[in-house]
Protein backbone atom coordinates (compact mmCIF):
# COMPACT_ATOMS: atom_id res chain seq x y z
CA MET A 1 0.00 0.00 0.00
CA LEU A 2 1.11 3.54 -0.65
CA ALA A 3 1.50 5.56 2.54
CA ALA A 4 0.46 9.18 2.82
CA LEU A 5 3.36 11.53 2.16
CA LEU A 6 3.14 14.76 4.11
CA LEU A 7 4.97 17.99 3.62
CA SER A 8 5.02 19.93 6.86
CA PRO A 9 4.12 23.63 6.89
CA SER A 10 6.93 26.10 7.22
CA LEU A 11 7.27 29.81 7.64
CA LEU A 12 9.88 31.26 5.35
CA ALA A 13 12.19 34.07 6.20
CA GLY A 14 11.30 37.69 6.50
CA CYS A 15 9.16 40.14 8.32
CA GLY A 16 7.40 42.96 6.53
CA GLY A 17 6.39 46.29 7.87
CA GLY A 18 2.87 46.98 8.92
CA GLY A 19 1.64 50.46 9.67
CA GLN A 20 -1.79 52.00 9.46
CA ILE A 21 -3.41 52.34 6.08
CA GLY A 22 -2.85 55.60 4.33
CA ASP A 23 -5.32 58.18 3.12
CA SER A 24 -5.23 58.80 -0.61
CA GLY A 25 -8.67 60.24 -1.22
CA GLY A 26 -11.85 58.89 0.35
CA SER A 27 -12.34 57.28 3.73
CA ALA A 28 -10.77 53.90 4.46
CA ASP A 29 -12.57 51.11 6.29
CA ALA A 30 -9.78 49.37 8.19
CA LYS A 31 -12.25 46.90 9.73
CA LYS A 32 -13.31 45.53 6.35
CA MET A 33 -11.51 42.78 4.45
CA VAL A 34 -12.13 41.53 0.91
CA LEU A 35 -11.23 38.18 -0.64
CA ILE A 36 -10.80 38.00 -4.43
CA PRO A 37 -10.33 34.33 -5.37
CA GLY A 38 -9.08 33.13 -8.75
CA VAL A 39 -12.47 31.91 -9.94
CA ALA A 40 -16.00 31.55 -8.59
CA ALA A 41 -17.62 28.30 -7.42
CA GLU A 42 -14.45 26.21 -7.40
CA PRO A 43 -14.15 23.92 -4.33
CA PHE A 44 -10.54 24.93 -3.63
CA TYR A 45 -11.46 28.60 -3.43
CA THR A 46 -14.72 27.84 -1.62
CA SER A 47 -12.71 26.05 1.08
CA MET A 48 -10.35 29.02 1.21
CA GLU A 49 -13.35 31.33 1.59
CA CYS A 50 -14.60 29.27 4.54
CA GLY A 51 -11.29 29.71 6.35
CA PHE A 52 -11.20 33.40 5.42
CA ARG A 53 -14.70 34.09 6.73
CA GLU A 54 -14.09 32.17 9.96
CA ALA A 55 -10.85 33.97 10.77
CA ALA A 56 -12.03 37.44 9.73
CA ALA A 57 -15.22 37.15 11.78
CA ALA A 58 -13.23 36.02 14.81
CA ALA A 59 -10.98 39.06 14.42
CA GLY A 60 -13.99 41.41 14.21
CA TYR A 61 -13.80 42.26 10.51
CA GLU A 62 -16.59 42.79 8.03
CA VAL A 63 -15.96 40.67 4.93
CA ASP A 64 -16.79 40.61 1.25
CA VAL A 65 -15.94 37.98 -1.38
CA GLN A 66 -15.89 38.75 -5.11
CA ALA A 67 -14.66 36.26 -7.70
CA PRO A 68 -14.40 36.28 -11.51
CA ALA A 69 -16.51 33.83 -13.48
CA ARG A 70 -13.37 32.45 -15.13
CA PHE A 71 -9.69 32.35 -14.16
CA GLU A 72 -8.73 35.35 -16.30
CA SER A 73 -6.98 38.63 -15.54
CA THR A 74 -9.40 40.53 -17.81
CA LEU A 75 -12.25 39.48 -15.52
CA GLN A 76 -10.38 39.89 -12.25
CA THR A 77 -9.06 43.38 -12.99
CA PRO A 78 -12.44 45.18 -12.88
CA ILE A 79 -13.18 43.47 -9.57
CA VAL A 80 -9.95 44.89 -8.15
CA THR A 81 -10.87 48.33 -9.51
CA GLY A 82 -14.28 48.18 -7.84
CA VAL A 83 -12.80 47.09 -4.52
CA LEU A 84 -10.24 49.89 -4.73
CA ALA A 85 -13.05 52.45 -4.65
CA ASP A 86 -14.31 51.03 -1.34
CA LYS A 87 -10.86 51.16 0.31
CA PRO A 88 -11.07 48.20 2.69
CA GLY A 89 -8.31 47.68 5.21
CA ALA A 90 -6.98 44.64 3.35
CA VAL A 91 -7.50 42.59 0.21
CA LEU A 92 -6.65 38.93 -0.01
CA ILE A 93 -6.25 38.00 -3.66
CA ALA A 94 -5.26 35.03 -5.82
CA PRO A 95 -3.85 36.82 -8.89
CA THR A 96 -4.93 35.09 -12.10
CA ASP A 97 -1.77 36.12 -13.95
CA ASP A 98 1.62 36.66 -12.36
CA LYS A 99 2.36 39.67 -14.58
CA ALA A 100 -0.93 41.11 -15.82
CA MET A 101 -2.35 41.58 -12.32
CA ALA A 102 0.67 43.53 -11.06
CA GLY A 103 -0.70 46.93 -12.16
CA PRO A 104 -4.18 46.57 -10.64
CA MET A 105 -2.78 45.15 -7.41
CA LYS A 106 -0.20 47.93 -7.13
CA GLN A 107 -3.11 50.40 -7.22
CA LEU A 108 -4.44 48.72 -4.07
CA LYS A 109 -1.06 49.04 -2.37
CA ASP A 110 -0.67 52.68 -3.44
CA ALA A 111 -4.07 53.44 -1.89
CA GLY A 112 -2.81 52.19 1.48
CA ILE A 113 -4.69 48.88 1.29
CA LYS A 114 -2.77 45.90 2.64
CA VAL A 115 -2.47 43.24 -0.08
CA VAL A 116 -2.03 39.57 0.82
CA GLU A 117 -1.57 37.00 -1.94
CA VAL A 118 -3.33 33.69 -1.33
CA ASP A 119 -2.59 30.63 -3.46
CA THR A 120 -1.09 32.37 -6.51
CA LYS A 121 1.39 35.24 -6.50
CA LEU A 122 2.93 37.93 -8.69
CA GLN A 123 6.46 37.85 -10.03
CA ASP A 124 6.78 41.35 -8.54
CA THR A 125 7.36 40.72 -4.84
CA SER A 126 7.06 44.40 -3.86
CA VAL A 127 3.26 44.59 -4.02
CA ALA A 128 1.99 42.17 -1.36
CA VAL A 129 2.92 42.32 2.30
CA SER A 130 2.58 38.53 2.51
CA SER A 131 2.09 35.51 0.23
CA VAL A 132 0.37 32.42 1.62
CA SER A 133 0.36 29.25 -0.46
CA SER A 134 1.35 25.64 -0.69
CA ASP A 135 4.95 24.84 -1.67
CA ASN A 136 3.82 24.10 -5.19
CA GLU A 137 7.17 23.07 -6.61
CA GLN A 138 7.51 20.52 -3.82
CA GLY A 139 3.94 19.45 -4.59
CA GLY A 140 5.03 18.63 -8.14
CA ARG A 141 7.95 16.64 -6.80
CA LEU A 142 5.62 14.79 -4.46
CA ALA A 143 3.37 13.97 -7.44
CA ALA A 144 6.32 12.51 -9.36
CA ARG A 145 7.43 10.36 -6.43
CA THR A 146 3.86 9.20 -5.86
CA LEU A 147 3.45 8.28 -9.53
CA ALA A 148 6.76 6.39 -9.53
CA GLU A 149 5.60 4.39 -6.50
CA LEU A 150 2.27 3.63 -8.16
CA VAL A 151 3.98 2.42 -11.34
CA GLY A 152 6.56 0.36 -9.48
CA GLY A 153 8.87 -1.26 -12.01
CA GLY A 154 6.61 -0.49 -14.96
CA THR A 155 7.88 1.49 -17.92
CA GLY A 156 6.14 4.00 -20.12
CA SER A 157 5.47 7.61 -20.98
CA VAL A 158 4.16 10.25 -18.58
CA LEU A 159 2.35 13.50 -19.39
CA VAL A 160 1.75 16.72 -17.48
CA LEU A 161 -1.48 18.61 -18.06
CA ASN A 162 -1.08 22.26 -17.04
CA THR A 163 -3.66 25.04 -16.98
CA LYS A 164 -2.48 28.39 -18.38
CA ALA A 165 1.05 29.67 -18.84
CA GLY A 166 1.71 32.43 -16.33
CA THR A 167 -0.20 30.81 -13.46
CA SER A 168 2.43 30.77 -10.72
CA THR A 169 1.11 27.77 -8.80
CA THR A 170 0.57 25.32 -11.64
CA ASP A 171 3.78 26.33 -13.42
CA ALA A 172 5.68 25.58 -10.20
CA ARG A 173 3.97 22.19 -9.91
CA ALA A 174 4.88 21.29 -13.47
CA LYS A 175 8.48 22.40 -12.89
CA GLY A 176 8.82 20.33 -9.74
CA PHE A 177 7.33 17.27 -11.43
CA GLU A 178 9.60 17.55 -14.47
CA GLU A 179 12.72 17.84 -12.32
CA GLU A 180 11.76 14.94 -10.06
CA VAL A 181 10.47 12.52 -12.70
CA GLY A 182 13.86 12.66 -14.42
CA LYS A 183 15.23 10.59 -11.53
CA TYR A 184 13.22 7.58 -12.71
CA PRO A 185 14.69 6.02 -15.89
CA ASN A 186 11.63 3.80 -16.37
CA LEU A 187 9.43 6.88 -16.86
CA LYS A 188 9.70 8.78 -20.15
CA TYR A 189 8.56 12.38 -19.75
CA VAL A 190 6.74 13.54 -22.91
CA GLY A 191 6.28 17.15 -21.77
CA GLN A 192 3.41 19.33 -20.63
CA GLN A 193 0.34 20.54 -22.45
CA TYR A 194 -1.87 23.50 -21.55
CA THR A 195 -5.64 23.11 -21.18
CA ASP A 196 -6.77 26.73 -20.64
CA ASN A 197 -8.14 25.41 -17.33
CA GLU A 198 -11.00 23.71 -19.21
CA PRO A 199 -11.88 20.06 -18.39
CA ASP A 200 -12.97 19.30 -21.96
CA GLN A 201 -9.61 20.43 -23.29
CA ALA A 202 -7.85 18.24 -20.72
CA ALA A 203 -9.91 15.26 -21.88
CA SER A 204 -9.03 15.88 -25.55
CA LYS A 205 -5.33 16.30 -24.72
CA VAL A 206 -5.34 12.91 -23.01
CA THR A 207 -7.05 11.33 -26.01
CA ALA A 208 -4.47 12.80 -28.41
CA THR A 209 -1.54 11.78 -26.20
CA LEU A 210 -2.81 8.20 -25.98
CA ALA A 211 -2.94 8.05 -29.77
CA ALA A 212 0.62 9.35 -30.10
CA ASN A 213 2.02 7.45 -27.10
CA PRO A 214 0.22 4.11 -26.64
CA ASP A 215 2.68 3.29 -23.84
CA LEU A 216 1.29 6.14 -21.69
CA ILE A 217 1.51 4.94 -18.10
CA GLY A 218 0.94 8.10 -16.09
CA VAL A 219 -0.65 11.55 -16.16
CA PHE A 220 -0.09 14.37 -13.69
CA ALA A 221 -2.87 16.97 -13.76
CA THR A 222 -1.80 20.22 -12.09
CA ASN A 223 -5.20 21.33 -10.75
CA LEU A 224 -8.73 20.08 -10.22
CA ASN A 225 -10.16 21.12 -13.61
CA THR A 226 -7.39 19.36 -15.52
CA GLY A 227 -7.70 16.36 -13.21
CA GLU A 228 -11.42 16.03 -13.75
CA GLY A 229 -10.95 16.40 -17.51
CA ALA A 230 -8.10 13.88 -17.61
CA ALA A 231 -10.28 11.36 -15.78
CA THR A 232 -12.97 11.84 -18.42
CA GLY A 233 -10.43 11.32 -21.21
CA LEU A 234 -9.13 8.09 -19.71
CA ARG A 235 -12.66 6.87 -19.07
CA ASN A 236 -13.69 7.56 -22.66
CA ALA A 237 -10.60 5.72 -23.94
CA GLY A 238 -11.22 2.72 -21.71
CA ARG A 239 -7.83 3.23 -20.02
CA THR A 240 -9.01 3.94 -16.48
CA GLY A 241 -6.59 2.28 -14.08
CA ALA A 242 -4.22 1.22 -16.88
CA VAL A 243 -2.91 4.79 -16.93
CA ASN A 244 -2.11 6.07 -13.44
CA LEU A 245 -3.69 9.48 -12.90
CA VAL A 246 -2.27 11.74 -10.20
CA GLY A 247 -4.37 14.85 -9.67
CA PHE A 248 -3.74 18.03 -7.73
CA ASP A 249 -6.44 19.18 -5.32
CA ALA A 250 -9.22 17.24 -3.65
CA SER A 251 -12.53 18.51 -4.99
CA PRO A 252 -15.64 16.41 -4.20
CA LYS A 253 -15.59 15.01 -7.75
CA GLN A 254 -11.91 14.09 -7.57
CA VAL A 255 -12.34 12.51 -4.13
CA GLU A 256 -15.12 10.35 -5.54
CA ASP A 257 -12.90 9.45 -8.52
CA LEU A 258 -10.15 8.44 -6.09
CA ARG A 259 -12.58 6.34 -4.08
CA SER A 260 -13.85 4.58 -7.23
CA GLY A 261 -10.39 4.00 -8.73
CA VAL A 262 -10.67 6.48 -11.61
CA VAL A 263 -7.84 8.50 -10.01
CA GLN A 264 -4.95 6.70 -8.31
CA ALA A 265 -3.66 9.59 -6.16
CA LEU A 266 -4.37 13.21 -5.30
CA ILE A 267 -1.97 15.86 -4.05
CA ALA A 268 -4.23 17.78 -1.71
CA GLN A 269 -3.66 21.28 -0.37
CA ASP A 270 -5.11 22.91 2.74
CA PRO A 271 -7.04 25.90 1.31
CA ALA A 272 -8.98 26.67 4.49
CA THR A 273 -5.69 27.18 6.33
CA ILE A 274 -4.46 29.39 3.48
CA GLY A 275 -7.56 31.57 3.97
CA ARG A 276 -7.19 31.70 7.76
CA THR A 277 -3.47 32.45 7.58
CA GLY A 278 -4.05 35.16 4.98
CA VAL A 279 -6.38 36.90 7.41
CA GLU A 280 -3.82 36.62 10.21
CA GLN A 281 -1.16 38.26 8.04
CA ALA A 282 -3.56 40.99 6.88
CA VAL A 283 -4.57 41.84 10.46
CA ALA A 284 -0.93 42.01 11.50
CA ALA A 285 -0.15 44.38 8.62
CA ILE A 286 -3.12 46.64 9.42
CA GLU A 287 -2.14 46.78 13.08
CA GLY A 288 1.51 47.52 12.34
CA LYS A 289 2.74 44.18 13.70
CA PRO A 290 5.38 41.89 12.14
CA VAL A 291 4.25 40.07 9.01
CA ASN A 292 5.66 36.84 7.57
CA ARG A 293 6.48 37.60 3.94
CA ASP A 294 6.13 33.99 2.75
CA VAL A 295 4.05 31.30 4.43
CA GLU A 296 3.74 27.72 3.20
CA THR A 297 0.96 25.29 4.15
CA ASP A 298 0.51 21.52 4.11
CA LEU A 299 0.43 19.22 1.11
CA VAL A 300 -0.44 15.54 1.39
CA ALA A 301 -0.55 12.67 -1.10
CA LEU A 302 -3.87 10.82 -0.84
CA THR A 303 -4.49 7.30 -2.15
CA LYS A 304 -7.54 5.08 -1.89
CA ALA A 305 -5.88 3.22 0.98
CA ASP A 306 -5.40 6.25 3.22
CA MET A 307 -7.86 8.86 1.99
CA GLU A 308 -10.41 8.50 4.78
CA ALA A 309 -7.72 8.98 7.42
CA ASN A 310 -6.87 12.28 5.73
CA SER A 311 -10.42 13.45 5.05
CA LYS A 312 -9.70 16.87 6.59
CA TYR A 313 -8.00 17.70 3.28
CA PHE A 314 -11.19 17.15 1.22
CA TYR A 315 -12.43 20.42 -0.30
CA LYS A 316 -15.89 21.89 0.32
CA GLN A 317 -18.60 23.07 -2.04
CA ARG A 318 -20.11 25.35 0.60
CA CYS A 319 -19.17 26.67 4.03
């Protein structure tokens, strides 16, 4: 049986300044906090929202949550602009593009609003006071080790299904996987393909890869949409179980696929803790207390054998 592999949380170096929010036209509401997830109605971000609401309420903050309908900077930018006009004390945001969201988020900072990145982050590290996320590169490495253990001595090709180029989290997962899988000579890495974060595209990419590489033995899907789509592709091709599928995230659908054997392993994050920790860092920044610049949270490899023992990592559809 494959044992659960746990990556412990760690706080990385650095303390950022806090200070009271500035006044750059209009009154600021320091006791209000806004969460801007990457996309609406996705279990990962719903679980994050639950942790955010719980922690913010406990700290005495009024909260608001606004999410784009799709994981796109063109949809997230106007949300940021609207929030800017309200001047909350802090904004927790999962930027949908590590470059394109830098300008809108810098406007928040320049208005004296404390910005905390949750899950994804900008390349520009000067905007946010804190970034809270999983160690995504290590998550990719964990996925490669888990896949190698599932395959055992088997040989064959392995594919990575990524979402969109420029998404900091999934790019880091793909990078970690590629570096780690190279340690296993029985596994032939055939590269990564982008799915635009659409399950139907993930399914079609799996179908095409199977046609080109009939020896396909493993697929690593870097988030829940690609994982759900990859499962559909393998199911349609009649290769469920024959091709080991390692997903990232533990949405209700993926958990059920793991339970039924459609998925062989999931690398689960702890989004509720990301939300709670983001609030803690935002409150510290507002109150002028020390802030941890980078915070990393748990990742765990779930298999059918140990999933129930680690059910706290299952994502929610509602709080």
